N, C-alpha and C. Protein backbone atom coordinates (compact mmCIF):
# COMPACT_ATOMS: atom_id res chain seq x y z
N LYS A 1 111.96 175.07 122.47
CA LYS A 1 111.02 175.23 124.02
C LYS A 1 111.81 174.02 124.54
N ALA A 2 111.80 174.59 125.96
CA ALA A 2 111.97 173.75 127.22
C ALA A 2 111.13 172.95 128.10
N GLU A 3 111.50 171.85 128.18
CA GLU A 3 110.44 170.61 128.66
C GLU A 3 110.93 169.59 129.46
N GLY A 4 110.23 168.73 130.27
CA GLY A 4 111.07 168.03 131.26
C GLY A 4 111.14 167.74 132.39
N GLU A 5 111.57 167.02 133.03
CA GLU A 5 111.59 167.42 134.71
C GLU A 5 113.38 167.26 135.44
N GLY A 6 113.50 168.05 136.32
CA GLY A 6 114.70 166.85 137.08
C GLY A 6 116.13 167.38 135.62
N GLU A 7 116.68 166.47 136.17
CA GLU A 7 117.85 166.32 135.24
C GLU A 7 117.63 166.18 134.40
N ASN A 8 116.29 165.52 133.10
CA ASN A 8 115.52 166.07 132.31
C ASN A 8 115.31 167.39 131.67
N TRP A 9 115.19 167.79 132.57
CA TRP A 9 114.82 169.53 131.85
C TRP A 9 115.84 169.80 130.82
N HIS A 10 115.20 170.07 129.70
CA HIS A 10 116.22 170.46 129.01
C HIS A 10 115.29 171.19 127.46
N GLY A 11 116.36 171.89 126.64
CA GLY A 11 115.94 172.55 125.46
C GLY A 11 115.67 171.34 124.05
N HIS A 12 114.65 171.81 123.25
CA HIS A 12 114.02 170.90 122.30
C HIS A 12 114.14 171.40 120.81
N ILE A 13 114.46 171.28 120.06
CA ILE A 13 114.60 171.73 118.73
C ILE A 13 113.45 171.11 117.39
N SER A 14 112.53 172.24 117.62
CA SER A 14 111.19 171.50 116.76
C SER A 14 111.87 171.35 115.68
N ALA A 15 112.41 172.54 114.82
CA ALA A 15 112.26 172.74 113.36
C ALA A 15 114.11 173.74 113.80
N VAL A 16 114.78 173.34 112.46
CA VAL A 16 115.28 174.62 111.97
C VAL A 16 115.47 174.87 110.20
N THR A 17 115.10 175.92 110.03
CA THR A 17 115.09 175.80 108.57
C THR A 17 115.81 177.20 108.30
N VAL A 18 116.17 176.92 106.89
CA VAL A 18 116.74 178.52 106.73
C VAL A 18 116.83 178.33 104.91
N ALA A 19 116.05 179.66 104.59
CA ALA A 19 115.89 179.85 103.41
C ALA A 19 117.28 179.90 102.09
N PRO A 20 117.08 179.02 101.41
CA PRO A 20 118.31 178.61 100.33
C PRO A 20 118.88 179.48 99.97
N ARG A 21 118.40 180.88 99.60
CA ARG A 21 119.75 181.50 99.60
C ARG A 21 120.29 182.76 100.77
N TYR A 22 119.60 181.94 101.87
CA TYR A 22 120.86 182.23 103.42
C TYR A 22 121.26 181.30 103.76
N ARG A 23 121.49 180.25 102.87
CA ARG A 23 122.24 179.13 103.18
C ARG A 23 123.91 179.46 103.33
N ARG A 24 124.69 178.58 104.11
CA ARG A 24 126.16 178.25 103.56
C ARG A 24 126.70 179.88 104.62
N LEU A 25 125.91 180.52 105.66
CA LEU A 25 125.99 181.78 106.06
C LEU A 25 126.44 181.39 107.50
N GLY A 26 126.05 180.43 107.67
CA GLY A 26 126.40 180.11 109.75
C GLY A 26 124.76 180.41 110.44
N LEU A 27 123.69 180.57 109.25
CA LEU A 27 122.85 181.52 110.24
C LEU A 27 121.93 179.75 111.18
N ALA A 28 121.98 178.64 110.82
CA ALA A 28 121.36 177.31 111.15
C ALA A 28 122.43 177.65 112.88
N ALA A 29 123.98 177.10 112.49
CA ALA A 29 125.10 177.17 113.74
C ALA A 29 124.57 178.47 114.70
N MET A 30 124.20 179.59 114.13
CA MET A 30 124.15 181.04 115.27
C MET A 30 121.88 180.38 115.87
N LEU A 31 121.66 179.89 115.20
CA LEU A 31 120.21 179.84 115.61
C LEU A 31 120.38 178.37 116.82
N ILE A 32 121.14 177.73 116.50
CA ILE A 32 121.30 176.46 117.11
C ILE A 32 122.02 177.35 118.68
N LYS A 33 123.28 177.90 118.35
CA LYS A 33 123.48 178.04 119.48
C LYS A 33 123.17 178.90 120.93
N TYR A 34 122.24 179.81 119.68
CA TYR A 34 121.37 180.50 120.59
C TYR A 34 120.59 179.82 121.58
N LEU A 35 119.71 178.37 120.76
CA LEU A 35 119.22 177.95 121.46
C LEU A 35 119.58 177.67 122.55
N GLU A 36 120.89 176.47 122.56
CA GLU A 36 121.60 176.52 123.55
C GLU A 36 122.08 177.24 124.46
N ASP A 37 122.17 178.23 124.33
CA ASP A 37 122.81 179.90 125.31
C ASP A 37 121.39 179.77 126.25
N ILE A 38 120.21 180.14 125.55
CA ILE A 38 118.93 179.96 126.17
C ILE A 38 118.79 179.49 127.25
N THR A 39 118.94 177.90 126.81
CA THR A 39 118.26 176.54 127.42
C THR A 39 119.09 176.72 128.84
N GLU A 40 120.53 176.84 128.73
CA GLU A 40 121.46 176.81 130.03
C GLU A 40 121.30 177.98 130.79
N GLU A 41 121.19 178.97 130.20
CA GLU A 41 120.93 180.75 131.21
C GLU A 41 119.80 180.80 131.77
N VAL A 42 118.60 180.71 131.08
CA VAL A 42 117.57 181.25 130.86
C VAL A 42 116.88 179.94 131.94
N HIS A 43 116.68 178.99 131.43
CA HIS A 43 115.64 177.55 131.67
C HIS A 43 116.37 176.57 132.32
N ASP A 44 117.52 176.95 132.81
CA ASP A 44 118.78 175.51 133.51
C ASP A 44 118.46 174.77 132.83
N GLY A 45 118.70 174.73 131.92
CA GLY A 45 118.38 173.09 131.17
C GLY A 45 119.50 172.55 130.88
N TYR A 46 119.60 171.27 131.21
CA TYR A 46 121.11 170.30 130.93
C TYR A 46 121.49 169.93 129.93
N PHE A 47 120.68 170.29 128.99
CA PHE A 47 120.55 169.26 127.42
C PHE A 47 119.45 169.91 126.38
N VAL A 48 120.00 169.83 125.06
CA VAL A 48 119.04 170.15 123.82
C VAL A 48 119.20 168.80 123.17
N ASP A 49 117.32 168.52 122.64
CA ASP A 49 117.47 167.47 121.57
C ASP A 49 116.66 167.99 120.97
N LEU A 50 116.41 166.69 119.63
CA LEU A 50 115.63 166.72 118.64
C LEU A 50 115.77 165.95 118.16
N PHE A 51 114.98 165.79 116.83
CA PHE A 51 114.46 164.54 116.49
C PHE A 51 114.46 164.57 114.50
N VAL A 52 115.00 163.57 114.18
CA VAL A 52 115.39 164.06 112.46
C VAL A 52 115.12 162.66 111.76
N ARG A 53 114.59 162.68 111.22
CA ARG A 53 114.59 161.65 109.89
C ARG A 53 116.04 160.89 109.55
N MET A 54 115.64 159.65 110.06
CA MET A 54 117.42 158.61 109.72
C MET A 54 117.45 158.78 108.27
N SER A 55 116.69 159.09 107.16
CA SER A 55 116.70 159.35 105.66
C SER A 55 117.58 160.58 105.46
N ASN A 56 117.10 161.63 106.48
CA ASN A 56 117.57 162.95 106.72
C ASN A 56 118.93 163.54 106.46
N LEU A 57 119.93 162.57 105.76
CA LEU A 57 121.37 163.35 106.18
C LEU A 57 121.91 164.12 105.99
N LEU A 58 121.36 165.32 105.38
CA LEU A 58 122.13 166.44 105.14
C LEU A 58 122.00 167.33 106.85
N ALA A 59 121.07 166.69 107.11
CA ALA A 59 120.56 167.43 108.72
C ALA A 59 121.20 166.61 109.57
N ILE A 60 121.35 165.48 109.67
CA ILE A 60 122.23 164.90 109.92
C ILE A 60 123.23 165.42 110.55
N ASN A 61 124.00 165.08 109.62
CA ASN A 61 125.65 165.55 109.42
C ASN A 61 125.77 167.15 109.61
N MET A 62 124.75 168.15 109.55
CA MET A 62 124.69 169.08 109.67
C MET A 62 124.73 169.07 111.67
N TYR A 63 123.58 168.41 111.91
CA TYR A 63 123.98 168.53 113.36
C TYR A 63 125.14 167.90 114.72
N LYS A 64 125.76 166.82 114.01
CA LYS A 64 127.11 165.87 113.89
C LYS A 64 127.61 167.09 114.06
N LYS A 65 127.85 168.00 113.05
CA LYS A 65 129.13 169.32 113.16
C LYS A 65 128.97 170.22 113.74
N PHE A 66 128.02 170.31 113.99
CA PHE A 66 127.58 171.34 115.97
C PHE A 66 127.64 170.38 117.02
N GLY A 67 128.13 168.92 117.04
CA GLY A 67 128.67 168.30 118.14
C GLY A 67 127.52 167.45 118.99
N TYR A 68 125.83 167.73 117.82
CA TYR A 68 125.40 167.08 118.25
C TYR A 68 125.63 164.90 117.90
N ILE A 69 124.95 163.95 118.79
CA ILE A 69 125.38 162.96 118.90
C ILE A 69 123.89 161.99 118.29
N VAL A 70 123.57 160.52 117.34
CA VAL A 70 122.75 159.97 117.41
C VAL A 70 122.65 159.18 119.08
N TYR A 71 121.44 159.60 119.63
CA TYR A 71 121.37 158.89 121.19
C TYR A 71 120.91 157.74 120.84
N ARG A 72 119.49 157.83 120.08
CA ARG A 72 118.63 156.82 120.09
C ARG A 72 117.63 156.53 118.66
N GLN A 73 117.18 155.76 118.00
CA GLN A 73 116.62 156.16 117.35
C GLN A 73 114.84 155.54 117.73
N VAL A 74 113.88 156.42 117.31
CA VAL A 74 112.49 155.74 117.84
C VAL A 74 111.49 155.61 116.67
N ILE A 75 111.51 154.17 116.80
CA ILE A 75 110.74 153.13 115.78
C ILE A 75 109.11 154.15 115.61
N GLY A 76 108.90 154.45 114.07
CA GLY A 76 107.29 155.02 114.27
C GLY A 76 107.38 156.24 114.07
N TYR A 77 108.26 157.12 114.76
CA TYR A 77 107.80 159.06 115.16
C TYR A 77 107.29 159.27 114.34
N TYR A 78 107.66 159.29 112.83
CA TYR A 78 107.78 159.98 111.68
C TYR A 78 106.50 158.50 110.74
N ALA A 79 106.18 157.65 111.28
CA ALA A 79 105.10 157.41 110.85
C ALA A 79 103.71 158.04 110.30
N ALA A 80 102.96 157.86 109.28
CA ALA A 80 102.12 158.34 108.53
C ALA A 80 100.41 158.28 109.20
């Protein structure tokens, strides 16, 4: 989705899920690249953000591989 205002107008990844039998085929990378392209070309967005549990090291490492960084930690974001 696209959200924010002005220079904070951006794309947001809510979830990226690939079924186990289709993993390691580059599908997540293709989906993320597509979202990045749509954010920039269609919505004139400046960046893409997402939230990941700090305990989800598999996802964090995947996003880092795609060039994402840990910008900040939101305490209590995933609180029940």
